Amino acid sequence: MQTTQRATGTLLGLLLGFGLMQMGNTLQATRLSVRGGIEGFSPAQIGAVGAGFWVGVVIGSLRCGKLIQSVGHIRAFLALGAIASTAPLPAPASDGSGSVGRGSRPDRVLLCWIVHCR
């Protein structure tokens, strides 16, 4: 009986974490597409950004197995978390026109950076 309760608790925690992650992912994708429309990007460009996200998910899923086997799950999580948290930092430094810091909008800059693969 205790084993069943432990397994149920573990499963519920896993499902809750996955559900929260998917809610955040959905809200981010919705905001990106709405903001892209407001900023004047074409639906094809916005779709390319969304498709590129999922291509990255698939590639990352296929390649992370080797990384985890070679360095372990803790170090792999640490390295990938550091990359994910520092990747957006350069975005507010430029507004895409060459001027740095003056009147730049991070959401516009990040969307331009993603779409134009800077």
C-alpha atoms as a PDB file:
ATOM      1  CA  MET A   1       0.000   0.000   0.000  1.00  0.00           C
ATOM      2  CA  GLN A   2       2.816   2.397   0.863  1.00  0.00           C
ATOM      3  CA  THR A   3       4.552   1.697  -2.454  1.00  0.00           C
ATOM      4  CA  THR A   4       1.355   2.554  -4.347  1.00  0.00           C
ATOM      5  CA  GLN A   5       0.979   5.856  -2.487  1.00  0.00           C
ATOM      6  CA  ARG A   6       4.603   6.735  -3.157  1.00  0.00           C
ATOM      7  CA  ALA A   7       4.238   5.950  -6.869  1.00  0.00           C
ATOM      8  CA  THR A   8       1.016   7.977  -7.063  1.00  0.00           C
ATOM      9  CA  GLY A   9       2.686  10.969  -5.400  1.00  0.00           C
ATOM     10  CA  THR A  10       5.648  10.739  -7.753  1.00  0.00           C
ATOM     11  CA  LEU A  11       3.382  10.500 -10.790  1.00  0.00           C
ATOM     12  CA  LEU A  12       1.264  13.457  -9.674  1.00  0.00           C
ATOM     13  CA  GLY A  13       4.377  15.572  -9.116  1.00  0.00           C
ATOM     14  CA  LEU A  14       5.665  14.679 -12.562  1.00  0.00           C
ATOM     15  CA  LEU A  15       2.338  15.477 -14.215  1.00  0.00           C
ATOM     16  CA  LEU A  16       2.013  18.759 -12.324  1.00  0.00           C
ATOM     17  CA  GLY A  17       5.508  19.832 -13.369  1.00  0.00           C
ATOM     18  CA  PHE A  18       4.866  18.889 -16.987  1.00  0.00           C
ATOM     19  CA  GLY A  19       1.520  20.693 -16.957  1.00  0.00           C
ATOM     20  CA  LEU A  20       3.062  23.893 -15.604  1.00  0.00           C
ATOM     21  CA  MET A  21       5.848  23.695 -18.170  1.00  0.00           C
ATOM     22  CA  GLN A  22       3.351  23.275 -21.010  1.00  0.00           C
ATOM     23  CA  MET A  23       1.213  26.165 -19.745  1.00  0.00           C
ATOM     24  CA  GLY A  24       4.257  28.426 -19.729  1.00  0.00           C
ATOM     25  CA  ASN A  25       5.279  27.230 -23.176  1.00  0.00           C
ATOM     26  CA  THR A  26       1.794  27.865 -24.556  1.00  0.00           C
ATOM     27  CA  LEU A  27       1.613  31.351 -23.032  1.00  0.00           C
ATOM     28  CA  GLN A  28       5.049  32.200 -24.428  1.00  0.00           C
ATOM     29  CA  ALA A  29       4.127  31.008 -27.923  1.00  0.00           C
ATOM     30  CA  THR A  30       0.843  32.918 -27.814  1.00  0.00           C
ATOM     31  CA  ARG A  31       2.543  36.109 -26.670  1.00  0.00           C
ATOM     32  CA  LEU A  32       5.245  35.772 -29.309  1.00  0.00           C
ATOM     33  CA  SER A  33       2.734  35.355 -32.127  1.00  0.00           C
ATOM     34  CA  VAL A  34       0.480  38.185 -30.923  1.00  0.00           C
ATOM     35  CA  ARG A  35       3.438  40.517 -30.388  1.00  0.00           C
ATOM     36  CA  GLY A  36       4.896  39.576 -33.766  1.00  0.00           C
ATOM     37  CA  GLY A  37       1.588  40.513 -35.407  1.00  0.00           C
ATOM     38  CA  ILE A  38       1.535  43.842 -33.573  1.00  0.00           C
ATOM     39  CA  GLU A  39       5.107  44.573 -34.663  1.00  0.00           C
ATOM     40  CA  GLY A  40       4.290  43.875 -38.309  1.00  0.00           C
ATOM     41  CA  PHE A  41       5.881  40.489 -38.900  1.00  0.00           C
ATOM     42  CA  SER A  42       4.197  38.352 -41.529  1.00  0.00           C
ATOM     43  CA  PRO A  43       2.393  35.170 -40.504  1.00  0.00           C
ATOM     44  CA  ALA A  44       5.078  33.171 -42.343  1.00  0.00           C
ATOM     45  CA  GLN A  45       7.826  34.747 -40.222  1.00  0.00           C
ATOM     46  CA  ILE A  46       5.902  34.149 -37.008  1.00  0.00           C
ATOM     47  CA  GLY A  47       5.239  30.562 -38.096  1.00  0.00           C
ATOM     48  CA  ALA A  48       8.936  30.088 -38.849  1.00  0.00           C
ATOM     49  CA  VAL A  49       9.801  31.165 -35.311  1.00  0.00           C
ATOM     50  CA  GLY A  50       7.279  28.702 -33.851  1.00  0.00           C
ATOM     51  CA  ALA A  51       8.453  25.893 -36.105  1.00  0.00           C
ATOM     52  CA  GLY A  52      12.073  26.672 -35.276  1.00  0.00           C
ATOM     53  CA  PHE A  53      11.283  26.284 -31.584  1.00  0.00           C
ATOM     54  CA  TRP A  54       9.934  22.779 -32.099  1.00  0.00           C
ATOM     55  CA  VAL A  55      12.806  21.828 -34.397  1.00  0.00           C
ATOM     56  CA  GLY A  56      15.108  22.839 -31.553  1.00  0.00           C
ATOM     57  CA  VAL A  57      13.118  20.710 -29.111  1.00  0.00           C
ATOM     58  CA  VAL A  58      13.450  17.654 -31.362  1.00  0.00           C
ATOM     59  CA  ILE A  59      17.178  18.191 -32.005  1.00  0.00           C
ATOM     60  CA  GLY A  60      17.810  18.802 -28.319  1.00  0.00           C
ATOM     61  CA  SER A  61      15.918  15.653 -27.375  1.00  0.00           C
ATOM     62  CA  LEU A  62      17.946  13.587 -29.794  1.00  0.00           C
ATOM     63  CA  ARG A  63      21.327  15.020 -28.818  1.00  0.00           C
ATOM     64  CA  CYS A  64      21.008  15.319 -25.028  1.00  0.00           C
ATOM     65  CA  GLY A  65      21.225  11.565 -24.485  1.00  0.00           C
ATOM     66  CA  LYS A  66      24.902  11.556 -25.428  1.00  0.00           C
ATOM     67  CA  LEU A  67      25.573  14.587 -23.248  1.00  0.00           C
ATOM     68  CA  ILE A  68      23.914  12.984 -20.228  1.00  0.00           C
ATOM     69  CA  GLN A  69      25.802   9.719 -20.780  1.00  0.00           C
ATOM     70  CA  SER A  70      29.150  11.494 -21.044  1.00  0.00           C
ATOM     71  CA  VAL A  71      28.932  13.975 -18.134  1.00  0.00           C
ATOM     72  CA  GLY A  72      25.948  12.845 -16.051  1.00  0.00           C
ATOM     73  CA  HIS A  73      22.485  14.278 -15.604  1.00  0.00           C
ATOM     74  CA  ILE A  74      23.415  16.854 -12.957  1.00  0.00           C
ATOM     75  CA  ARG A  75      26.224  18.455 -14.958  1.00  0.00           C
ATOM     76  CA  ALA A  76      24.172  18.317 -18.153  1.00  0.00           C
ATOM     77  CA  PHE A  77      21.261  20.060 -16.418  1.00  0.00           C
ATOM     78  CA  LEU A  78      23.606  22.672 -14.978  1.00  0.00           C
ATOM     79  CA  ALA A  79      25.249  23.409 -18.331  1.00  0.00           C
ATOM     80  CA  LEU A  80      21.998  23.553 -20.306  1.00  0.00           C
ATOM     81  CA  GLY A  81      20.328  25.682 -17.640  1.00  0.00           C
ATOM     82  CA  ALA A  82      23.228  28.138 -17.739  1.00  0.00           C
ATOM     83  CA  ILE A  83      23.006  28.357 -21.529  1.00  0.00           C
ATOM     84  CA  ALA A  84      19.231  28.838 -21.435  1.00  0.00           C
ATOM     85  CA  SER A  85      19.402  31.562 -18.789  1.00  0.00           C
ATOM     86  CA  THR A  86      22.205  33.560 -20.421  1.00  0.00           C
ATOM     87  CA  ALA A  87      21.096  33.282 -24.070  1.00  0.00           C
ATOM     88  CA  PRO A  88      18.585  36.197 -23.940  1.00  0.00           C
ATOM     89  CA  LEU A  89      20.972  38.581 -22.155  1.00  0.00           C
ATOM     90  CA  PRO A  90      22.492  40.208 -25.278  1.00  0.00           C
ATOM     91  CA  ALA A  91      19.043  41.004 -26.705  1.00  0.00           C
ATOM     92  CA  PRO A  92      18.441  44.370 -24.953  1.00  0.00           C
ATOM     93  CA  ALA A  93      21.896  45.615 -25.969  1.00  0.00           C
ATOM     94  CA  SER A  94      20.759  46.635 -29.464  1.00  0.00           C
ATOM     95  CA  ASP A  95      17.555  47.597 -31.219  1.00  0.00           C
ATOM     96  CA  GLY A  96      18.705  46.120 -34.526  1.00  0.00           C
ATOM     97  CA  SER A  97      19.683  49.466 -36.040  1.00  0.00           C
ATOM     98  CA  GLY A  98      23.197  49.541 -34.654  1.00  0.00           C
ATOM     99  CA  SER A  99      22.436  51.850 -31.734  1.00  0.00           C
ATOM    100  CA  VAL A 100      23.110  50.178 -28.430  1.00  0.00           C
ATOM    101  CA  GLY A 101      21.000  50.758 -25.363  1.00  0.00           C
ATOM    102  CA  ARG A 102      19.068  53.838 -26.533  1.00  0.00           C
ATOM    103  CA  GLY A 103      15.351  53.179 -26.858  1.00  0.00           C
ATOM    104  CA  SER A 104      15.763  49.472 -27.416  1.00  0.00           C
ATOM    105  CA  ARG A 105      12.827  47.193 -26.693  1.00  0.00           C
ATOM    106  CA  PRO A 106      13.908  43.736 -25.540  1.00  0.00           C
ATOM    107  CA  ASP A 107      10.868  41.898 -26.900  1.00  0.00           C
ATOM    108  CA  ARG A 108      11.233  43.450 -30.376  1.00  0.00           C
ATOM    109  CA  VAL A 109      14.982  42.910 -30.407  1.00  0.00           C
ATOM    110  CA  LEU A 110      14.669  39.278 -29.346  1.00  0.00           C
ATOM    111  CA  LEU A 111      11.993  38.596 -31.966  1.00  0.00           C
ATOM    112  CA  CYS A 112      14.146  40.229 -34.679  1.00  0.00           C
ATOM    113  CA  TRP A 113      17.162  38.289 -33.480  1.00  0.00           C
ATOM    114  CA  ILE A 114      15.281  34.997 -33.640  1.00  0.00           C
ATOM    115  CA  VAL A 115      13.686  35.649 -37.038  1.00  0.00           C
ATOM    116  CA  HIS A 116      16.808  36.954 -38.735  1.00  0.00           C
ATOM    117  CA  CYS A 117      19.175  34.453 -37.047  1.00  0.00           C
ATOM    118  CA  ARG A 118      21.588  37.060 -35.782  1.00  0.00           C
END
